[in-house]
N, C-alpha and C. Protein backbone atom coordinates (compact mmCIF):
# COMPACT_ATOMS: atom_id res chain seq x y z
N MET A 1 -49.78 -13.91 25.98
CA MET A 1 -49.33 -13.28 24.34
C MET A 1 -48.33 -12.37 23.96
N HIS A 2 -48.89 -12.03 25.34
CA HIS A 2 -48.33 -10.93 25.02
C HIS A 2 -46.33 -10.08 25.12
N LYS A 3 -45.79 -11.17 26.18
CA LYS A 3 -44.17 -11.32 26.35
C LYS A 3 -44.13 -12.46 24.81
N GLU A 4 -44.62 -13.48 24.67
CA GLU A 4 -44.14 -13.78 22.90
C GLU A 4 -44.09 -13.12 22.01
N ALA A 5 -45.12 -12.70 21.79
CA ALA A 5 -44.30 -11.90 20.64
C ALA A 5 -43.47 -11.07 20.71
N GLU A 6 -43.39 -10.33 21.70
CA GLU A 6 -42.35 -9.34 22.45
C GLU A 6 -41.08 -9.23 22.19
N LYS A 7 -40.92 -11.43 22.65
CA LYS A 7 -39.40 -11.23 22.48
C LYS A 7 -39.34 -12.79 20.92
N GLN A 8 -40.90 -12.33 19.76
CA GLN A 8 -40.03 -13.52 18.84
C GLN A 8 -39.64 -11.71 17.82
N MET A 9 -40.21 -10.94 18.08
CA MET A 9 -39.17 -10.19 17.25
C MET A 9 -38.23 -9.59 17.79
N LYS A 10 -37.85 -9.58 19.53
CA LYS A 10 -36.59 -9.17 19.56
C LYS A 10 -35.79 -10.57 19.06
N GLU A 11 -36.15 -11.22 18.80
CA GLU A 11 -35.82 -12.24 18.09
C GLU A 11 -35.06 -12.65 16.20
N GLU A 12 -36.34 -12.24 16.24
CA GLU A 12 -36.06 -11.16 14.92
C GLU A 12 -35.14 -10.30 14.24
N ASP A 13 -35.18 -8.92 15.22
CA ASP A 13 -34.45 -8.21 15.31
C ASP A 13 -33.07 -8.18 15.99
N MET A 14 -32.55 -9.10 16.40
CA MET A 14 -31.47 -9.34 15.87
C MET A 14 -31.36 -10.60 15.63
N GLU A 15 -31.87 -11.75 14.48
CA GLU A 15 -31.24 -12.39 13.61
C GLU A 15 -30.73 -10.96 12.09
N SER A 16 -31.45 -9.82 11.99
CA SER A 16 -31.83 -9.43 11.28
C SER A 16 -30.20 -8.19 11.04
N ARG A 17 -30.05 -7.83 12.31
CA ARG A 17 -28.47 -7.27 13.12
C ARG A 17 -27.94 -7.95 11.86
N MET A 18 -27.48 -9.64 12.54
CA MET A 18 -26.56 -10.29 12.77
C MET A 18 -26.08 -10.67 11.49
N ILE A 19 -27.72 -11.03 10.42
CA ILE A 19 -27.97 -10.91 8.76
C ILE A 19 -26.63 -9.24 8.41
N ASP A 20 -26.68 -8.09 9.01
CA ASP A 20 -26.35 -6.85 8.54
C ASP A 20 -24.67 -7.38 8.46
N LEU A 21 -24.33 -7.58 9.89
CA LEU A 21 -22.99 -7.47 9.97
C LEU A 21 -22.63 -8.66 9.23
N GLU A 22 -22.93 -9.64 9.38
CA GLU A 22 -22.38 -11.04 7.79
C GLU A 22 -22.34 -10.27 7.00
N MET A 23 -22.99 -9.49 5.91
CA MET A 23 -22.89 -8.73 4.73
C MET A 23 -21.53 -8.12 5.22
N ARG A 24 -22.05 -7.22 5.81
CA ARG A 24 -20.76 -5.82 6.64
C ARG A 24 -19.64 -6.50 6.29
N PHE A 25 -18.98 -7.21 6.88
CA PHE A 25 -18.49 -8.59 7.21
C PHE A 25 -17.96 -9.15 5.80
N MET A 26 -18.86 -9.92 4.76
CA MET A 26 -18.39 -9.85 3.30
C MET A 26 -18.09 -8.66 2.56
N GLN A 27 -18.83 -8.47 2.37
CA GLN A 27 -17.66 -6.57 1.84
C GLN A 27 -16.52 -5.76 2.04
N GLN A 28 -16.88 -5.51 3.69
CA GLN A 28 -15.01 -5.39 4.33
C GLN A 28 -13.94 -6.67 3.49
N GLU A 29 -14.47 -7.70 3.86
CA GLU A 29 -13.32 -8.81 3.68
C GLU A 29 -13.01 -8.99 1.93
N SER A 30 -13.99 -7.28 0.52
CA SER A 30 -13.72 -8.28 -0.29
C SER A 30 -12.66 -6.98 -0.61
N THR A 31 -13.52 -5.86 -0.01
CA THR A 31 -12.03 -4.32 -0.34
C THR A 31 -11.14 -4.92 -0.23
N ILE A 32 -11.01 -5.10 1.28
CA ILE A 32 -9.82 -5.62 1.32
C ILE A 32 -9.00 -6.21 0.61
N GLU A 33 -9.68 -7.44 0.27
CA GLU A 33 -8.58 -8.06 -1.35
C GLU A 33 -8.70 -7.30 -1.90
N GLU A 34 -9.00 -6.73 -3.23
CA GLU A 34 -8.79 -4.85 -3.85
C GLU A 34 -7.41 -4.60 -3.61
N LEU A 35 -7.77 -3.94 -2.14
CA LEU A 35 -6.91 -3.00 -1.45
C LEU A 35 -5.06 -3.49 -1.18
N ASN A 36 -5.89 -5.36 -1.14
CA ASN A 36 -3.80 -6.00 -1.28
C ASN A 36 -3.56 -5.74 -1.95
N LYS A 37 -4.53 -6.90 -3.44
CA LYS A 37 -4.16 -6.49 -4.94
C LYS A 37 -3.75 -5.30 -5.42
N VAL A 38 -4.37 -4.12 -4.68
CA VAL A 38 -3.53 -2.37 -5.20
C VAL A 38 -1.99 -2.84 -4.63
N VAL A 39 -2.24 -2.91 -3.14
CA VAL A 39 -0.90 -2.65 -3.02
C VAL A 39 1.27 -4.03 -2.96
N ILE A 40 -0.12 -4.93 -3.60
CA ILE A 40 1.37 -5.91 -4.19
C ILE A 40 1.28 -5.36 -5.74
N SER A 41 0.52 -3.82 -6.53
CA SER A 41 1.61 -3.90 -7.82
C SER A 41 1.67 -2.68 -7.49
N HIS A 42 1.48 -1.77 -6.97
CA HIS A 42 2.68 -0.88 -6.81
C HIS A 42 3.52 -0.89 -5.79
N GLN A 43 3.85 -2.75 -5.14
CA GLN A 43 4.87 -2.49 -4.55
C GLN A 43 5.80 -3.14 -5.59
N LYS A 44 5.10 -3.90 -7.06
CA LYS A 44 6.23 -4.18 -8.25
C LYS A 44 6.47 -3.42 -8.61
N VAL A 45 5.52 -1.89 -9.37
CA VAL A 45 5.45 -0.85 -9.75
C VAL A 45 6.86 -0.08 -9.24
N ILE A 46 7.26 0.29 -7.82
CA ILE A 46 7.33 0.45 -7.15
C ILE A 46 9.57 0.24 -7.05
N GLU A 47 9.74 -1.76 -7.02
CA GLU A 47 11.20 -1.85 -7.55
C GLU A 47 11.05 -1.67 -8.79
N VAL A 48 10.41 -1.89 -9.78
CA VAL A 48 11.37 -1.09 -10.90
C VAL A 48 11.94 -0.31 -11.39
N LEU A 49 10.25 0.46 -10.25
CA LEU A 49 11.57 2.00 -10.29
C LEU A 49 12.76 2.01 -10.06
N THR A 50 12.61 1.04 -8.96
CA THR A 50 14.27 1.65 -8.58
C THR A 50 15.30 1.23 -8.78
N ARG A 51 15.13 0.16 -9.66
CA ARG A 51 15.58 -0.74 -10.24
C ARG A 51 16.04 0.82 -11.75
N GLU A 52 14.92 0.88 -11.63
CA GLU A 52 15.63 1.75 -13.77
C GLU A 52 16.31 3.23 -11.78
N LEU A 53 16.32 3.51 -11.81
CA LEU A 53 16.76 4.83 -11.22
C LEU A 53 17.78 4.21 -10.35
N GLU A 54 18.25 3.27 -10.04
CA GLU A 54 19.48 3.53 -9.82
C GLU A 54 20.38 2.70 -11.20
N LEU A 55 20.33 2.53 -12.37
CA LEU A 55 20.45 2.83 -13.97
C LEU A 55 20.76 3.87 -14.04
N LEU A 56 19.75 4.29 -13.55
CA LEU A 56 19.87 5.82 -14.85
C LEU A 56 21.45 6.42 -13.57
N LYS A 57 21.69 6.32 -12.30
CA LYS A 57 22.22 6.98 -11.07
C LYS A 57 23.87 6.62 -12.23
N LYS A 58 23.67 5.37 -11.96
CA LYS A 58 24.71 4.08 -12.98
C LYS A 58 25.68 5.28 -13.85
N GLN A 59 24.40 5.13 -15.20
CA GLN A 59 24.31 6.06 -16.22
C GLN A 59 25.13 7.63 -16.12
N VAL A 60 24.92 7.95 -14.90
CA VAL A 60 24.83 9.17 -15.09
C VAL A 60 26.48 9.41 -14.71
N GLN A 61 26.74 8.30 -13.76
CA GLN A 61 27.97 8.72 -12.51
C GLN A 61 29.19 8.17 -14.13
N ALA A 62 28.86 6.99 -14.72
CA ALA A 62 30.19 7.53 -15.82
C ALA A 62 30.20 8.52 -16.50
N ALA A 63 28.74 8.91 -16.68
CA ALA A 63 29.01 9.88 -18.23
C ALA A 63 29.27 11.14 -17.68
N SER A 64 29.18 11.13 -15.88
CA SER A 64 29.68 12.39 -15.13
C SER A 64 30.34 12.59 -14.23
N PRO A 65 31.32 11.55 -13.46
CA PRO A 65 31.24 11.43 -12.39
C PRO A 65 31.78 12.39 -11.02
N SER A 66 32.03 13.99 -11.26
CA SER A 66 32.10 14.58 -10.44
C SER A 66 30.74 15.16 -10.13
N LEU A 67 29.45 15.15 -10.83
CA LEU A 67 28.49 15.77 -10.58
C LEU A 67 27.77 14.86 -9.56
N ILE A 68 28.11 13.61 -8.80
CA ILE A 68 28.10 12.41 -8.20
C ILE A 68 28.14 12.68 -7.34
N ARG A 69 29.30 13.29 -7.13
CA ARG A 69 30.71 12.87 -5.82
C ARG A 69 30.33 13.86 -4.52
N ASP A 70 30.65 13.81 -3.37
CA ASP A 70 30.72 14.89 -3.13
C ASP A 70 31.55 15.67 -2.77
N ALA A 71 31.46 16.98 -2.20
CA ALA A 71 32.97 17.62 -2.21
C ALA A 71 33.88 17.36 -1.46
N SER A 72 33.60 15.86 -0.23
CA SER A 72 35.17 14.91 0.09
C SER A 72 35.40 14.13 -0.62
N GLU A 73 35.54 13.59 -1.88
CA GLU A 73 35.57 12.84 -2.41
C GLU A 73 36.02 13.43 -4.17
N GLU A 74 35.50 15.30 -3.89
CA GLU A 74 36.61 15.99 -5.07
C GLU A 74 38.05 15.75 -4.59
N THR A 75 38.93 15.71 -6.38
CA THR A 75 39.93 16.08 -5.87
C THR A 75 40.84 17.50 -6.75
N PRO A 76 41.50 17.64 -5.94
CA PRO A 76 41.26 19.45 -5.75
C PRO A 76 41.41 19.73 -6.94
N PRO A 77 41.66 21.04 -6.85
CA PRO A 77 41.89 21.63 -8.51
C PRO A 77 43.54 21.03 -8.50
N PRO A 78 43.83 21.19 -9.78
CA PRO A 78 45.84 21.46 -10.92
C PRO A 78 46.57 22.12 -9.66
N HIS A 79 45.61 23.65 -8.98
CA HIS A 79 46.54 25.13 -7.79
C HIS A 79 46.64 24.61 -7.24
N TYR A 80 46.04 23.98 -6.62
CA TYR A 80 46.42 23.83 -5.41
C TYR A 80 47.67 23.53 -4.66
């Protein structure tokens, strides 16, 4: 009888552990989905900011090209 009760306790313990693992898995799966949504949202923001930065660079270049050019691209001053 003692072995049977011990076996029953082990099975219950194993079932309890299994349920705990399943719950943890479900929570982690939910967390991963939430994080994925955040990453997607951040990627969209990065894309918008990148386009805005490129537009600003073009506007600055058009307004004052010499501020953005490398020294090698600059034309020499007239006295050279």
